[in-house]
Amino acid sequence: MQPKSAAATVGVAEHSNSAVLVTVAPDGELLDRRRINLTDRKLPTHPHHHEGSWAVGRYLNVPGARVLSLAEAVALVERVGVSAACGARESLEALAAAVPIPIARIAMRACPTLPPTIAERIADNRAQTVADSVMYRQALAAAAEARGWFVYWYDRERAFRDAAAVLGREEINAFLSAMLGLDDLMFFVPEYTSVSRVRASRNGTRSLVSINETGHLRFANREAH
């Protein structure tokens, strides 16, 4: 059952082992925005995808790759998972202490269905590409549920359209299509916390500068690790 509406809501935009948390009041007022890191800096950020792949013979020709056993890779994933769980608990505790009203719910991207074990996820070529992201989202969800928060899993493909409908405003694709004078609706899926820039002149003329920039996210991740 969802909680009463007289409380704050947190939206999560995850990127690798970090996430941006945006907390809003029931009336939409921005209460807090912060970037968190979930794991220890000394640990790898993608143990399923990188170290796990090396353990089953994938990507061994890339710089930094090393030979390790599947058991070693599984143990490493478990260590990263423990660190993520701790980081999620500490981060949500700090957030709850900083926000002036109670938090009742948190929204994050829905997780795909994966094989049940770490070893199976590493071995599966599709699963290993998303398993690390799922691990971090699940760590945040578990920490939120432990605090009594309702966890809402949203569909990435619908999130922006649903938000536009609720707010009574144009979704980014519709806005840019109209601005460019396109007959058909262009479509791209905005990356979380990406930047699309429009330049407006003094006479009201608008021109598109960029769509879906994510360089700041990659740079921030390199700095953090």
Protein backbone atom coordinates (compact mmCIF):
# COMPACT_ATOMS: atom_id res chain seq x y z
CA MET A 1 0.00 0.00 0.00
CA GLN A 2 1.31 3.44 -0.90
CA PRO A 3 1.84 5.95 1.94
CA LYS A 4 -0.08 9.17 2.49
CA SER A 5 0.81 12.08 0.23
CA ALA A 6 1.86 14.52 3.00
CA ALA A 7 5.50 13.49 2.78
CA ALA A 8 8.50 13.92 0.52
CA THR A 9 9.38 11.75 -2.48
CA VAL A 10 12.86 10.86 -3.71
CA GLY A 11 13.65 10.31 -7.39
CA VAL A 12 16.74 8.29 -8.28
CA ALA A 13 18.86 8.72 -11.40
CA GLU A 14 21.59 6.10 -11.15
CA HIS A 15 24.83 6.04 -13.10
CA SER A 16 27.29 3.21 -12.49
CA ASN A 17 27.84 2.92 -8.72
CA SER A 18 26.69 6.49 -8.11
CA ALA A 19 23.28 8.10 -8.17
CA VAL A 20 21.65 11.51 -8.12
CA LEU A 21 18.87 11.77 -5.54
CA VAL A 22 16.28 14.52 -6.02
CA THR A 23 13.84 15.01 -3.15
CA VAL A 24 10.65 17.01 -3.58
CA ALA A 25 7.80 18.05 -1.29
CA PRO A 26 4.15 17.12 -2.05
CA ASP A 27 3.67 20.49 -3.79
CA GLY A 28 6.71 19.93 -6.03
CA GLU A 29 9.11 22.16 -4.10
CA LEU A 30 12.73 21.01 -4.44
CA LEU A 31 13.99 20.04 -0.98
CA ASP A 32 17.32 18.39 -1.74
CA ARG A 33 19.53 17.33 -4.63
CA ARG A 34 22.68 15.32 -4.05
CA ARG A 35 25.03 12.88 -5.73
CA ILE A 36 25.99 9.78 -3.78
CA ASN A 37 28.59 7.04 -4.23
CA LEU A 38 27.48 3.62 -3.05
CA THR A 39 30.73 1.68 -2.85
CA ASP A 40 34.24 1.94 -1.49
CA ARG A 41 36.59 3.74 -3.87
CA LYS A 42 38.99 0.79 -3.84
CA LEU A 43 36.39 -1.60 -5.25
CA PRO A 44 35.56 -2.02 -8.95
CA THR A 45 32.35 -0.42 -10.16
CA HIS A 46 31.29 -3.15 -12.64
CA PRO A 47 32.34 -6.52 -11.21
CA HIS A 48 29.82 -8.53 -13.22
CA HIS A 49 30.66 -6.84 -16.50
CA HIS A 50 34.42 -6.43 -16.17
CA GLU A 51 36.03 -8.89 -13.73
CA GLY A 52 33.21 -11.38 -14.20
CA SER A 53 33.67 -11.31 -17.96
CA TRP A 54 37.39 -11.95 -17.59
CA ALA A 55 36.59 -15.01 -15.46
CA VAL A 56 34.63 -16.59 -18.34
CA GLY A 57 37.06 -15.55 -21.07
CA ARG A 58 35.46 -12.33 -22.35
CA TYR A 59 37.38 -9.09 -22.96
CA LEU A 60 40.75 -10.52 -21.91
CA ASN A 61 42.42 -8.46 -24.65
CA VAL A 62 41.43 -5.09 -23.13
CA PRO A 63 43.97 -3.06 -21.12
CA GLY A 64 43.96 -3.99 -17.43
CA ALA A 65 42.27 -7.35 -17.93
CA ARG A 66 43.57 -10.22 -15.83
CA VAL A 67 42.87 -13.91 -15.52
CA LEU A 68 40.80 -14.94 -12.48
CA SER A 69 38.54 -17.83 -11.60
CA LEU A 70 34.76 -17.72 -11.61
CA ALA A 71 34.79 -18.28 -7.84
CA GLU A 72 37.03 -15.25 -7.40
CA ALA A 73 34.75 -13.16 -9.58
CA VAL A 74 31.65 -14.23 -7.63
CA ALA A 75 33.37 -13.38 -4.34
CA LEU A 76 34.29 -9.96 -5.71
CA VAL A 77 30.70 -9.26 -6.77
CA GLU A 78 29.56 -10.23 -3.27
CA ARG A 79 32.07 -7.81 -1.71
CA VAL A 80 30.87 -4.98 -3.96
CA GLY A 81 27.27 -5.86 -3.10
CA VAL A 82 27.97 -5.64 0.64
CA SER A 83 29.67 -2.28 0.15
CA ALA A 84 26.73 -1.02 -1.94
CA ALA A 85 24.24 -2.08 0.73
CA CYS A 86 26.22 -0.20 3.38
CA GLY A 87 26.58 2.87 1.15
CA ALA A 88 22.86 2.88 0.38
CA ARG A 89 21.90 2.70 4.06
CA GLU A 90 24.28 5.50 5.03
CA SER A 91 23.26 7.71 2.10
CA LEU A 92 19.52 7.42 2.76
CA GLU A 93 20.06 7.98 6.47
CA ALA A 94 21.97 11.19 5.71
CA LEU A 95 19.28 12.30 3.27
CA ALA A 96 16.46 11.67 5.74
CA ALA A 97 18.31 13.71 8.38
CA ALA A 98 18.80 16.65 5.99
CA VAL A 99 15.25 16.92 4.62
CA PRO A 100 12.88 19.00 6.80
CA ILE A 101 9.84 16.71 6.35
CA PRO A 102 9.48 12.91 6.46
CA ILE A 103 10.26 10.92 3.32
CA ALA A 104 7.69 8.30 2.41
CA ARG A 105 8.56 7.03 -1.06
CA ILE A 106 11.38 6.60 -3.54
CA ALA A 107 11.17 6.09 -7.31
CA MET A 108 13.76 4.35 -9.45
CA ARG A 109 14.12 2.62 -12.78
CA ALA A 110 12.57 -0.85 -12.96
CA CYS A 111 15.00 -3.76 -13.02
CA PRO A 112 15.01 -6.39 -15.77
CA THR A 113 14.64 -10.05 -14.85
CA LEU A 114 18.03 -11.74 -14.45
CA PRO A 115 19.27 -15.29 -13.79
CA PRO A 116 19.04 -16.14 -10.07
CA THR A 117 22.74 -16.58 -9.19
CA ILE A 118 25.80 -14.37 -9.58
CA ALA A 119 27.63 -17.07 -11.52
CA GLU A 120 24.74 -17.38 -13.97
CA ARG A 121 24.54 -13.63 -14.42
CA ILE A 122 28.26 -13.47 -15.19
CA ALA A 123 28.01 -16.30 -17.72
CA ASP A 124 24.98 -14.84 -19.51
CA ASN A 125 26.15 -12.36 -22.15
CA ARG A 126 23.07 -10.13 -21.83
CA ALA A 127 22.72 -10.29 -18.06
CA GLN A 128 26.33 -9.35 -17.32
CA THR A 129 25.86 -6.00 -19.07
CA VAL A 130 23.06 -4.87 -16.73
CA ALA A 131 23.65 -6.91 -13.55
CA ASP A 132 25.82 -4.27 -11.87
CA SER A 133 23.23 -1.53 -12.37
CA VAL A 134 20.55 -3.86 -11.02
CA MET A 135 22.69 -4.64 -7.97
CA TYR A 136 23.01 -0.95 -7.12
CA ARG A 137 19.30 -0.24 -7.62
CA GLN A 138 18.38 -3.21 -5.45
CA ALA A 139 20.73 -1.98 -2.73
CA LEU A 140 18.95 1.38 -2.70
CA ALA A 141 15.54 -0.29 -2.75
CA ALA A 142 16.42 -2.54 0.19
CA ALA A 143 17.73 0.41 2.21
CA ALA A 144 14.58 2.40 1.44
CA GLU A 145 12.27 -0.46 2.41
CA ALA A 146 14.19 -0.89 5.67
CA ARG A 147 13.30 2.73 6.44
CA GLY A 148 9.64 2.07 5.68
CA TRP A 149 9.65 3.94 2.39
CA PHE A 150 7.46 2.78 -0.48
CA VAL A 151 9.56 1.83 -3.52
CA TYR A 152 8.04 2.75 -6.88
CA TRP A 153 9.64 1.09 -9.91
CA TYR A 154 9.04 3.15 -13.04
CA ASP A 155 9.27 2.25 -16.72
CA ARG A 156 12.04 4.29 -18.32
CA GLU A 157 10.25 4.33 -21.67
CA ARG A 158 7.17 5.98 -20.11
CA ALA A 159 8.69 8.16 -17.40
CA PHE A 160 9.12 11.37 -19.38
CA ARG A 161 5.75 11.09 -21.14
CA ASP A 162 3.98 10.42 -17.83
CA ALA A 163 5.71 13.37 -16.16
CA ALA A 164 4.76 15.67 -19.03
CA ALA A 165 1.13 14.55 -18.79
CA VAL A 166 1.00 15.15 -15.04
CA LEU A 167 2.65 18.57 -15.32
CA GLY A 168 0.61 19.58 -18.36
CA ARG A 169 3.75 20.39 -20.35
CA GLU A 170 5.46 19.18 -23.48
CA GLU A 171 7.74 16.17 -23.27
CA ILE A 172 11.29 16.91 -24.50
CA ASN A 173 10.82 15.09 -27.81
CA ALA A 174 7.63 17.01 -28.61
CA PHE A 175 9.23 20.32 -27.61
CA LEU A 176 12.32 19.83 -29.76
CA SER A 177 10.32 18.49 -32.72
CA ALA A 178 8.07 21.55 -32.69
CA MET A 179 11.05 23.89 -32.30
CA LEU A 180 12.80 22.30 -35.30
CA GLY A 181 9.60 22.37 -37.39
CA LEU A 182 9.54 18.61 -37.93
CA ASP A 183 6.34 17.05 -39.26
CA ASP A 184 6.94 13.80 -37.37
CA LEU A 185 7.78 13.43 -33.72
CA MET A 186 11.47 12.77 -33.22
CA PHE A 187 12.26 10.29 -30.48
CA PHE A 188 15.20 9.60 -28.23
CA VAL A 189 15.35 8.33 -24.68
CA PRO A 190 16.94 11.04 -22.50
CA GLU A 191 19.73 9.70 -20.32
CA TYR A 192 19.26 10.38 -16.64
CA THR A 193 20.51 13.85 -15.68
CA SER A 194 21.66 14.40 -19.28
CA VAL A 195 21.66 17.89 -20.77
CA SER A 196 19.93 19.13 -23.91
CA ARG A 197 20.70 22.75 -24.77
CA VAL A 198 18.67 25.31 -26.70
CA ARG A 199 20.05 28.77 -27.50
CA ALA A 200 17.53 31.62 -27.48
CA SER A 201 18.41 34.95 -29.10
CA ARG A 202 17.09 38.33 -28.02
CA ASN A 203 14.58 38.34 -30.86
CA GLY A 204 13.13 35.02 -29.68
CA THR A 205 14.79 32.78 -32.26
CA ARG A 206 15.69 29.37 -30.84
CA SER A 207 18.38 27.01 -32.10
CA LEU A 208 19.32 23.53 -30.95
CA VAL A 209 22.83 23.29 -29.51
CA SER A 210 22.96 19.70 -28.25
CA ILE A 211 20.81 16.70 -27.37
CA ASN A 212 21.31 14.22 -24.56
CA GLU A 213 24.79 15.28 -23.41
CA THR A 214 26.29 12.87 -20.85
CA GLY A 215 29.95 13.90 -20.80
CA HIS A 216 29.56 15.50 -17.37
CA LEU A 217 28.38 12.16 -15.95
CA ARG A 218 31.36 10.24 -17.32
CA PHE A 219 33.77 12.91 -16.10
CA ALA A 220 32.21 12.93 -12.63
CA ASN A 221 32.48 9.16 -12.45
CA ARG A 222 36.19 9.23 -13.35
CA GLU A 223 36.79 11.83 -10.65
CA ALA A 224 35.01 9.75 -8.03
CA HIS A 225 36.99 6.63 -8.79
